Amino acid sequence: QVQLTESGGGLVTAGGSLRLSCVASGSDFTFGMGWFRQVPWNEREFVAAISWSSSTTYYGDSVKGRFSISRDNAKNTVFLQMNSLKPEDTAVYYCAARAERTVTTMDSTYSYWGQGTQVTVSS
């Protein structure tokens, strides 16, 4: 079974930066990967996604120009660099993997999910 483990969350002031990491279990890292976020009582929101080859990336409108997704397939790891953080970025961030190499912006198309890491941005 595929297991995803996020790390790097924490408390940061507005305008600061954080870098999230997600490590996938196993020796095969051929999945398209995405990041989503969710706050209590709100619907899960798409943040960013990257294909296996890194040839395709997508970003949610609210994070374009501030967040950057990347991956290191040799280390089974995907990253989310978050800059110019705003209080509205506060959420639990989840990494997710598809069962194929391509990516979408729809959470229903992702097969595997991490446990989440909390990001809190203070004003």
C-alpha atoms as a PDB file:
ATOM      1  CA  GLN A   1       0.000   0.000   0.000  1.00  0.00           C
ATOM      2  CA  VAL A   2       1.238   3.510  -0.832  1.00  0.00           C
ATOM      3  CA  GLN A   3       1.896   5.696   2.182  1.00  0.00           C
ATOM      4  CA  LEU A   4       2.426   9.459   2.027  1.00  0.00           C
ATOM      5  CA  THR A   5       3.954  11.427   4.892  1.00  0.00           C
ATOM      6  CA  GLU A   6       3.900  15.229   4.998  1.00  0.00           C
ATOM      7  CA  SER A   7       6.204  17.426   7.042  1.00  0.00           C
ATOM      8  CA  GLY A   8       7.314  21.034   7.283  1.00  0.00           C
ATOM      9  CA  GLY A   9       4.190  22.699   8.602  1.00  0.00           C
ATOM     10  CA  GLY A  10       4.222  25.140  11.473  1.00  0.00           C
ATOM     11  CA  LEU A  11       3.526  28.673  12.599  1.00  0.00           C
ATOM     12  CA  VAL A  12       4.745  31.600  10.522  1.00  0.00           C
ATOM     13  CA  THR A  13       3.975  35.311  10.360  1.00  0.00           C
ATOM     14  CA  ALA A  14       2.326  36.902   7.353  1.00  0.00           C
ATOM     15  CA  GLY A  15       4.814  37.437   4.548  1.00  0.00           C
ATOM     16  CA  GLY A  16       6.979  34.543   5.651  1.00  0.00           C
ATOM     17  CA  SER A  17       7.786  31.254   3.966  1.00  0.00           C
ATOM     18  CA  LEU A  18       7.517  27.537   4.609  1.00  0.00           C
ATOM     19  CA  ARG A  19       8.552  24.483   2.630  1.00  0.00           C
ATOM     20  CA  LEU A  20       6.436  21.368   2.885  1.00  0.00           C
ATOM     21  CA  SER A  21       7.705  17.911   1.998  1.00  0.00           C
ATOM     22  CA  CYS A  22       5.868  14.709   1.195  1.00  0.00           C
ATOM     23  CA  VAL A  23       7.664  11.373   1.118  1.00  0.00           C
ATOM     24  CA  ALA A  24       6.091   8.365  -0.571  1.00  0.00           C
ATOM     25  CA  SER A  25       6.747   4.839   0.603  1.00  0.00           C
ATOM     26  CA  GLY A  26       8.150   2.166  -1.660  1.00  0.00           C
ATOM     27  CA  SER A  27      10.716   2.202  -4.417  1.00  0.00           C
ATOM     28  CA  ASP A  28       8.385   3.359  -7.207  1.00  0.00           C
ATOM     29  CA  PHE A  29       7.530   7.056  -7.440  1.00  0.00           C
ATOM     30  CA  THR A  30       5.771   7.304 -10.798  1.00  0.00           C
ATOM     31  CA  PHE A  31       2.631   9.052  -9.561  1.00  0.00           C
ATOM     32  CA  GLY A  32       1.325  12.416 -10.484  1.00  0.00           C
ATOM     33  CA  MET A  33       1.280  14.342  -7.199  1.00  0.00           C
ATOM     34  CA  GLY A  34      -0.827  17.120  -5.766  1.00  0.00           C
ATOM     35  CA  TRP A  35      -1.219  19.322  -2.724  1.00  0.00           C
ATOM     36  CA  PHE A  36      -4.608  20.211  -1.253  1.00  0.00           C
ATOM     37  CA  ARG A  37      -5.624  22.136   1.841  1.00  0.00           C
ATOM     38  CA  GLN A  38      -8.630  22.229   4.126  1.00  0.00           C
ATOM     39  CA  VAL A  39      -9.902  24.258   7.062  1.00  0.00           C
ATOM     40  CA  PRO A  40     -12.674  23.077   9.407  1.00  0.00           C
ATOM     41  CA  TRP A  41     -16.150  23.226   7.875  1.00  0.00           C
ATOM     42  CA  ASN A  42     -14.737  24.211   4.484  1.00  0.00           C
ATOM     43  CA  GLU A  43     -14.410  22.188   1.313  1.00  0.00           C
ATOM     44  CA  ARG A  44     -11.004  20.833   0.406  1.00  0.00           C
ATOM     45  CA  GLU A  45      -9.178  23.236  -1.906  1.00  0.00           C
ATOM     46  CA  PHE A  46      -6.724  22.471  -4.684  1.00  0.00           C
ATOM     47  CA  VAL A  47      -3.297  24.050  -4.192  1.00  0.00           C
ATOM     48  CA  ALA A  48      -0.803  22.631  -6.696  1.00  0.00           C
ATOM     49  CA  ALA A  49      -0.013  19.537  -8.749  1.00  0.00           C
ATOM     50  CA  ILE A  50       2.920  18.135 -10.705  1.00  0.00           C
ATOM     51  CA  SER A  51       3.247  15.281 -13.175  1.00  0.00           C
ATOM     52  CA  TRP A  52       5.760  12.474 -12.789  1.00  0.00           C
ATOM     53  CA  SER A  53       8.169  14.033 -15.291  1.00  0.00           C
ATOM     54  CA  SER A  54       7.603  17.567 -13.901  1.00  0.00           C
ATOM     55  CA  SER A  55       6.582  18.613 -17.407  1.00  0.00           C
ATOM     56  CA  THR A  56       3.153  19.751 -16.212  1.00  0.00           C
ATOM     57  CA  THR A  57       2.270  21.835 -13.165  1.00  0.00           C
ATOM     58  CA  TYR A  58      -0.985  23.398 -12.015  1.00  0.00           C
ATOM     59  CA  TYR A  59      -1.682  25.963  -9.310  1.00  0.00           C
ATOM     60  CA  GLY A  60      -4.814  27.139  -7.616  1.00  0.00           C
ATOM     61  CA  ASP A  61      -5.747  30.730  -8.364  1.00  0.00           C
ATOM     62  CA  SER A  62      -5.232  31.827  -4.771  1.00  0.00           C
ATOM     63  CA  VAL A  63      -1.591  30.669  -4.671  1.00  0.00           C
ATOM     64  CA  LYS A  64      -0.314  31.464  -8.168  1.00  0.00           C
ATOM     65  CA  GLY A  65       2.903  33.451  -8.042  1.00  0.00           C
ATOM     66  CA  ARG A  66       3.486  32.602  -4.381  1.00  0.00           C
ATOM     67  CA  PHE A  67       3.710  28.804  -4.192  1.00  0.00           C
ATOM     68  CA  SER A  68       5.916  26.465  -6.202  1.00  0.00           C
ATOM     69  CA  ILE A  69       5.670  22.683  -6.475  1.00  0.00           C
ATOM     70  CA  SER A  70       8.627  20.450  -7.335  1.00  0.00           C
ATOM     71  CA  ARG A  71       9.688  16.835  -6.951  1.00  0.00           C
ATOM     72  CA  ASP A  72      12.727  14.629  -6.605  1.00  0.00           C
ATOM     73  CA  ASN A  73      11.804  11.221  -7.951  1.00  0.00           C
ATOM     74  CA  ALA A  74      15.067   9.646  -6.809  1.00  0.00           C
ATOM     75  CA  LYS A  75      14.083  10.482  -3.222  1.00  0.00           C
ATOM     76  CA  ASN A  76      10.355   9.747  -3.611  1.00  0.00           C
ATOM     77  CA  THR A  77       9.633  13.283  -2.463  1.00  0.00           C
ATOM     78  CA  VAL A  78       7.450  16.178  -3.580  1.00  0.00           C
ATOM     79  CA  PHE A  79       7.858  19.706  -2.210  1.00  0.00           C
ATOM     80  CA  LEU A  80       5.660  22.746  -1.839  1.00  0.00           C
ATOM     81  CA  GLN A  81       7.547  26.011  -1.416  1.00  0.00           C
ATOM     82  CA  MET A  82       5.194  28.600   0.059  1.00  0.00           C
ATOM     83  CA  ASN A  83       6.242  32.246  -0.053  1.00  0.00           C
ATOM     84  CA  SER A  84       4.488  35.487   0.850  1.00  0.00           C
ATOM     85  CA  LEU A  85       2.160  33.600   3.143  1.00  0.00           C
ATOM     86  CA  LYS A  86      -1.152  35.141   4.127  1.00  0.00           C
ATOM     87  CA  PRO A  87      -3.467  34.391   7.061  1.00  0.00           C
ATOM     88  CA  GLU A  88      -5.949  32.875   4.615  1.00  0.00           C
ATOM     89  CA  ASP A  89      -3.341  30.228   3.775  1.00  0.00           C
ATOM     90  CA  THR A  90      -3.904  28.762   7.231  1.00  0.00           C
ATOM     91  CA  ALA A  91      -5.108  25.187   6.797  1.00  0.00           C
ATOM     92  CA  VAL A  92      -4.169  21.553   7.047  1.00  0.00           C
ATOM     93  CA  TYR A  93      -2.158  20.709   3.950  1.00  0.00           C
ATOM     94  CA  TYR A  94      -2.392  17.254   2.406  1.00  0.00           C
ATOM     95  CA  CYS A  95      -0.302  15.651  -0.282  1.00  0.00           C
ATOM     96  CA  ALA A  96      -1.976  13.196  -2.607  1.00  0.00           C
ATOM     97  CA  ALA A  97      -0.957  10.761  -5.317  1.00  0.00           C
ATOM     98  CA  ARG A  98      -2.755   9.626  -8.421  1.00  0.00           C
ATOM     99  CA  ALA A  99      -2.602   6.110  -9.805  1.00  0.00           C
ATOM    100  CA  GLU A 100      -0.966   7.435 -12.973  1.00  0.00           C
ATOM    101  CA  ARG A 101       1.770   9.826 -14.025  1.00  0.00           C
ATOM    102  CA  THR A 102      -0.393  12.729 -15.135  1.00  0.00           C
ATOM    103  CA  VAL A 103      -2.171  15.170 -12.828  1.00  0.00           C
ATOM    104  CA  THR A 104      -5.459  17.016 -12.472  1.00  0.00           C
ATOM    105  CA  THR A 105      -6.849  19.671 -10.142  1.00  0.00           C
ATOM    106  CA  MET A 106      -9.691  17.454  -8.891  1.00  0.00           C
ATOM    107  CA  ASP A 107      -9.278  15.775  -5.521  1.00  0.00           C
ATOM    108  CA  SER A 108     -11.591  12.939  -6.539  1.00  0.00           C
ATOM    109  CA  THR A 109      -9.002  11.754  -9.085  1.00  0.00           C
ATOM    110  CA  TYR A 110      -6.310  11.154  -6.434  1.00  0.00           C
ATOM    111  CA  SER A 111      -6.005   7.691  -4.949  1.00  0.00           C
ATOM    112  CA  TYR A 112      -3.658   8.092  -1.974  1.00  0.00           C
ATOM    113  CA  TRP A 113      -3.530  10.724   0.749  1.00  0.00           C
ATOM    114  CA  GLY A 114      -1.172  11.730   3.512  1.00  0.00           C
ATOM    115  CA  GLN A 115      -2.192  12.504   7.077  1.00  0.00           C
ATOM    116  CA  GLY A 116      -1.816  16.266   6.669  1.00  0.00           C
ATOM    117  CA  THR A 117       0.405  18.920   8.195  1.00  0.00           C
ATOM    118  CA  GLN A 118      -0.853  22.086   9.873  1.00  0.00           C
ATOM    119  CA  VAL A 119       0.157  25.488   8.494  1.00  0.00           C
ATOM    120  CA  THR A 120      -0.793  28.530  10.551  1.00  0.00           C
ATOM    121  CA  VAL A 121      -0.102  32.064   9.346  1.00  0.00           C
ATOM    122  CA  SER A 122      -0.525  34.857  11.873  1.00  0.00           C
ATOM    123  CA  SER A 123      -1.340  38.440  10.917  1.00  0.00           C
END
